[in-house]
């Protein structure tokens, strides 16, 4: 079984992917853009797995979905850390 909101998120994700590809020359100037885009692509994979799990391999795709969300969230947090310029001092 699938839910409409999962399909809508996947469609929005693909639309944003197209916009990223079309505007890549401008977006690559964002500091640490590769980290940010990798995080987005992990979220996109999670949305894809979420939509597909209603059709087959429910358990495997569900675990894969949540792992993708975890990695995407960690990459986004790391990107925010990198652009903030915070220095951690160890005493």
N, C-alpha and C. Protein backbone atom coordinates (compact mmCIF):
# COMPACT_ATOMS: atom_id res chain seq x y z
N UNK A 1 0.85 -1.18 0.00
CA UNK A 1 0.00 0.00 0.00
C UNK A 1 0.88 1.24 0.00
N UNK A 2 0.46 2.22 -0.74
CA UNK A 2 1.22 3.46 -0.77
C UNK A 2 0.31 4.62 -0.40
N UNK A 3 0.94 5.70 0.01
CA UNK A 3 0.21 6.89 0.42
C UNK A 3 0.49 8.02 -0.56
N UNK A 4 -0.52 8.84 -0.79
CA UNK A 4 -0.40 9.92 -1.75
C UNK A 4 0.68 10.91 -1.37
N UNK A 5 0.84 11.18 -0.06
CA UNK A 5 1.84 12.15 0.36
C UNK A 5 3.26 11.67 0.03
N UNK A 6 3.49 10.37 0.03
CA UNK A 6 4.80 9.85 -0.34
C UNK A 6 5.08 10.09 -1.82
N UNK A 7 4.08 9.89 -2.65
CA UNK A 7 4.24 10.13 -4.09
C UNK A 7 4.47 11.61 -4.35
N UNK A 8 3.74 12.48 -3.66
CA UNK A 8 3.91 13.92 -3.84
C UNK A 8 5.30 14.36 -3.42
N UNK A 9 5.81 13.83 -2.29
CA UNK A 9 7.17 14.16 -1.86
C UNK A 9 8.19 13.71 -2.90
N UNK A 10 7.99 12.55 -3.47
CA UNK A 10 8.90 12.04 -4.49
C UNK A 10 8.88 12.93 -5.74
N UNK A 11 7.70 13.35 -6.16
CA UNK A 11 7.58 14.24 -7.31
C UNK A 11 8.28 15.56 -7.03
N UNK A 12 8.04 16.15 -5.86
CA UNK A 12 8.73 17.39 -5.50
C UNK A 12 10.24 17.19 -5.47
N UNK A 13 10.68 16.05 -4.95
CA UNK A 13 12.11 15.75 -4.91
C UNK A 13 12.71 15.70 -6.31
N UNK A 14 12.02 15.07 -7.24
CA UNK A 14 12.51 15.01 -8.61
C UNK A 14 12.50 16.39 -9.27
N UNK A 15 11.50 17.21 -8.96
CA UNK A 15 11.46 18.58 -9.50
C UNK A 15 12.64 19.40 -8.97
N UNK A 16 12.93 19.27 -7.69
CA UNK A 16 14.07 19.98 -7.12
C UNK A 16 15.37 19.47 -7.74
N UNK A 17 15.47 18.17 -8.00
CA UNK A 17 16.65 17.61 -8.65
C UNK A 17 16.85 18.23 -10.02
N UNK A 18 15.79 18.38 -10.77
CA UNK A 18 15.88 19.01 -12.09
C UNK A 18 16.34 20.46 -11.95
N UNK A 19 15.81 21.18 -10.96
CA UNK A 19 16.25 22.55 -10.74
C UNK A 19 17.73 22.62 -10.35
N UNK A 20 18.17 21.68 -9.55
CA UNK A 20 19.59 21.63 -9.18
C UNK A 20 20.45 21.43 -10.42
N UNK A 21 20.05 20.52 -11.28
CA UNK A 21 20.83 20.28 -12.50
C UNK A 21 20.83 21.49 -13.42
N UNK A 22 19.68 22.18 -13.52
CA UNK A 22 19.61 23.35 -14.40
C UNK A 22 20.40 24.53 -13.86
N UNK A 23 20.46 24.69 -12.56
CA UNK A 23 21.14 25.83 -11.94
C UNK A 23 22.47 25.43 -11.29
N UNK A 24 23.05 24.33 -11.73
CA UNK A 24 24.25 23.82 -11.09
C UNK A 24 25.40 24.83 -11.09
N UNK A 25 25.56 25.57 -12.18
CA UNK A 25 26.66 26.54 -12.26
C UNK A 25 26.57 27.60 -11.16
N UNK A 26 25.37 27.99 -10.80
CA UNK A 26 25.21 28.97 -9.73
C UNK A 26 25.28 28.31 -8.35
N UNK A 27 24.73 27.12 -8.23
CA UNK A 27 24.67 26.45 -6.93
C UNK A 27 26.03 25.95 -6.46
N UNK A 28 26.92 25.62 -7.40
CA UNK A 28 28.22 25.09 -6.99
C UNK A 28 29.06 26.14 -6.27
N UNK A 29 28.65 27.40 -6.31
CA UNK A 29 29.36 28.46 -5.59
C UNK A 29 29.00 28.51 -4.11
N UNK A 30 27.99 27.77 -3.69
CA UNK A 30 27.64 27.68 -2.27
C UNK A 30 28.76 26.93 -1.57
N UNK A 31 29.17 27.45 -0.42
CA UNK A 31 30.25 26.80 0.31
C UNK A 31 29.86 25.37 0.68
N UNK A 32 30.77 24.45 0.42
CA UNK A 32 30.58 23.03 0.74
C UNK A 32 29.30 22.47 0.09
N UNK A 33 29.08 22.86 -1.16
CA UNK A 33 27.87 22.44 -1.87
C UNK A 33 27.79 20.92 -2.04
N UNK A 34 28.92 20.25 -2.17
CA UNK A 34 28.89 18.80 -2.37
C UNK A 34 28.30 18.09 -1.16
N UNK A 35 28.60 18.60 0.04
CA UNK A 35 28.03 18.00 1.25
C UNK A 35 26.52 18.22 1.27
N UNK A 36 26.09 19.43 0.96
CA UNK A 36 24.67 19.76 0.94
C UNK A 36 23.92 18.93 -0.10
N UNK A 37 24.47 18.83 -1.30
CA UNK A 37 23.78 18.07 -2.35
C UNK A 37 23.76 16.58 -2.03
N UNK A 38 24.82 16.05 -1.42
CA UNK A 38 24.82 14.64 -1.03
C UNK A 38 23.70 14.38 -0.02
N UNK A 39 23.53 15.29 0.93
CA UNK A 39 22.44 15.15 1.90
C UNK A 39 21.09 15.14 1.22
N UNK A 40 20.91 16.04 0.24
CA UNK A 40 19.63 16.08 -0.48
C UNK A 40 19.39 14.77 -1.22
N UNK A 41 20.43 14.24 -1.87
CA UNK A 41 20.25 13.01 -2.63
C UNK A 41 19.95 11.81 -1.73
N UNK A 42 20.46 11.84 -0.51
CA UNK A 42 20.08 10.78 0.43
C UNK A 42 18.60 10.91 0.81
N UNK A 43 18.13 12.15 1.01
CA UNK A 43 16.69 12.33 1.27
C UNK A 43 15.86 11.87 0.08
N UNK A 44 16.32 12.18 -1.12
CA UNK A 44 15.60 11.76 -2.33
C UNK A 44 15.53 10.23 -2.40
N UNK A 45 16.63 9.56 -2.09
CA UNK A 45 16.62 8.09 -2.07
C UNK A 45 15.65 7.58 -1.01
N UNK A 46 15.60 8.23 0.14
CA UNK A 46 14.64 7.85 1.19
C UNK A 46 13.21 7.98 0.72
N UNK A 47 12.92 9.06 0.01
CA UNK A 47 11.56 9.25 -0.51
C UNK A 47 11.23 8.19 -1.55
N UNK A 48 12.21 7.83 -2.37
CA UNK A 48 12.00 6.79 -3.36
C UNK A 48 11.74 5.44 -2.68
N UNK A 49 12.56 5.09 -1.68
CA UNK A 49 12.35 3.85 -0.96
C UNK A 49 11.00 3.84 -0.26
N UNK A 50 10.58 4.98 0.26
CA UNK A 50 9.30 5.08 0.95
C UNK A 50 8.14 4.78 0.00
N UNK A 51 8.27 5.26 -1.23
CA UNK A 51 7.21 5.01 -2.22
C UNK A 51 7.22 3.56 -2.70
N UNK A 52 8.40 2.99 -2.86
CA UNK A 52 8.51 1.63 -3.40
C UNK A 52 8.16 0.56 -2.38
N UNK A 53 8.30 0.86 -1.10
CA UNK A 53 8.07 -0.18 -0.09
C UNK A 53 6.63 -0.67 -0.06
N UNK A 54 5.72 0.09 -0.63
CA UNK A 54 4.33 -0.35 -0.69
C UNK A 54 4.09 -1.45 -1.71
N UNK A 55 5.08 -1.68 -2.58
CA UNK A 55 4.91 -2.66 -3.65
C UNK A 55 5.70 -3.95 -3.43
N UNK A 56 6.89 -3.86 -2.88
CA UNK A 56 7.71 -5.05 -2.67
C UNK A 56 8.81 -4.76 -1.65
N UNK A 57 9.39 -5.81 -1.09
CA UNK A 57 10.49 -5.75 -0.12
C UNK A 57 10.23 -4.72 0.98
N UNK A 58 9.08 -4.80 1.59
CA UNK A 58 8.65 -3.79 2.56
C UNK A 58 9.67 -3.56 3.68
N UNK A 59 10.14 -4.63 4.30
CA UNK A 59 11.06 -4.49 5.44
C UNK A 59 12.41 -3.92 5.01
N UNK A 60 12.97 -4.45 3.93
CA UNK A 60 14.27 -3.99 3.46
C UNK A 60 14.22 -2.53 3.03
N UNK A 61 13.20 -2.16 2.28
CA UNK A 61 13.10 -0.78 1.81
C UNK A 61 12.79 0.18 2.95
N UNK A 62 12.05 -0.28 3.96
CA UNK A 62 11.76 0.56 5.12
C UNK A 62 13.04 0.87 5.89
N UNK A 63 13.86 -0.15 6.10
CA UNK A 63 15.14 0.06 6.78
C UNK A 63 16.04 0.98 5.94
N UNK A 64 16.09 0.74 4.64
CA UNK A 64 16.90 1.57 3.74
C UNK A 64 16.42 3.02 3.76
N UNK A 65 15.11 3.21 3.78
CA UNK A 65 14.55 4.56 3.85
C UNK A 65 15.05 5.30 5.08
N UNK A 66 14.96 4.65 6.23
CA UNK A 66 15.34 5.32 7.47
C UNK A 66 16.86 5.53 7.58
N UNK A 67 17.63 4.63 7.01
CA UNK A 67 19.08 4.83 6.97
C UNK A 67 19.41 6.04 6.09
N UNK A 68 18.72 6.17 4.97
CA UNK A 68 18.93 7.33 4.10
C UNK A 68 18.56 8.62 4.81
N UNK A 69 17.46 8.63 5.55
CA UNK A 69 17.09 9.82 6.31
C UNK A 69 18.14 10.15 7.36
N UNK A 70 18.69 9.13 8.01
CA UNK A 70 19.72 9.34 9.02
C UNK A 70 20.97 9.96 8.39
N UNK A 71 21.45 9.36 7.31
CA UNK A 71 22.66 9.87 6.66
C UNK A 71 22.42 11.28 6.11
N UNK A 72 21.26 11.51 5.50
CA UNK A 72 20.94 12.84 4.99
C UNK A 72 20.90 13.88 6.09
N UNK A 73 20.34 13.52 7.24
CA UNK A 73 20.29 14.45 8.37
C UNK A 73 21.68 14.74 8.91
N UNK A 74 22.52 13.70 9.00
CA UNK A 74 23.89 13.91 9.47
C UNK A 74 24.69 14.79 8.51
N UNK A 75 24.51 14.58 7.21
CA UNK A 75 25.19 15.42 6.23
C UNK A 75 24.71 16.87 6.30
N UNK A 76 23.41 17.06 6.48
CA UNK A 76 22.89 18.42 6.61
C UNK A 76 23.43 19.10 7.86
N UNK A 77 23.48 18.38 8.97
CA UNK A 77 24.03 18.93 10.20
C UNK A 77 25.52 19.26 10.03
N UNK A 78 26.25 18.38 9.35
CA UNK A 78 27.67 18.62 9.11
C UNK A 78 27.87 19.84 8.21
N UNK A 79 27.03 20.00 7.19
CA UNK A 79 27.12 21.16 6.31
C UNK A 79 26.87 22.45 7.10
N UNK A 80 25.87 22.44 7.97
CA UNK A 80 25.58 23.62 8.80
C UNK A 80 26.78 23.92 9.71
N UNK A 81 27.36 22.88 10.27
CA UNK A 81 28.54 23.06 11.11
C UNK A 81 29.69 23.68 10.31
N UNK A 82 29.92 23.17 9.09
CA UNK A 82 31.02 23.66 8.26
C UNK A 82 30.82 25.12 7.85
N UNK A 83 29.61 25.51 7.49
CA UNK A 83 29.41 26.89 7.03
C UNK A 83 29.33 27.87 8.19
N UNK A 84 29.07 27.38 9.40
CA UNK A 84 28.96 28.28 10.53
C UNK A 84 30.32 28.78 11.01
N UNK A 85 31.36 28.04 10.71
CA UNK A 85 32.69 28.46 11.09
C UNK A 85 33.00 28.32 12.57
N UNK A 86 32.25 27.51 13.26
CA UNK A 86 32.46 27.30 14.70
C UNK A 86 33.75 26.49 14.88
N UNK A 87 34.58 26.94 15.80
CA UNK A 87 35.80 26.22 16.14
C UNK A 87 35.60 25.51 17.48
N UNK A 88 35.84 24.23 17.52
CA UNK A 88 35.71 23.46 18.75
C UNK A 88 37.10 23.35 19.37
N UNK A 89 37.22 23.79 20.61
CA UNK A 89 38.50 23.71 21.31
C UNK A 89 38.49 22.54 22.28
N UNK A 90 39.54 21.76 22.21
CA UNK A 90 39.68 20.63 23.12
C UNK A 90 40.71 21.03 24.18
N UNK A 91 40.34 20.89 25.46
CA UNK A 91 41.26 21.27 26.54
C UNK A 91 41.90 20.06 27.14
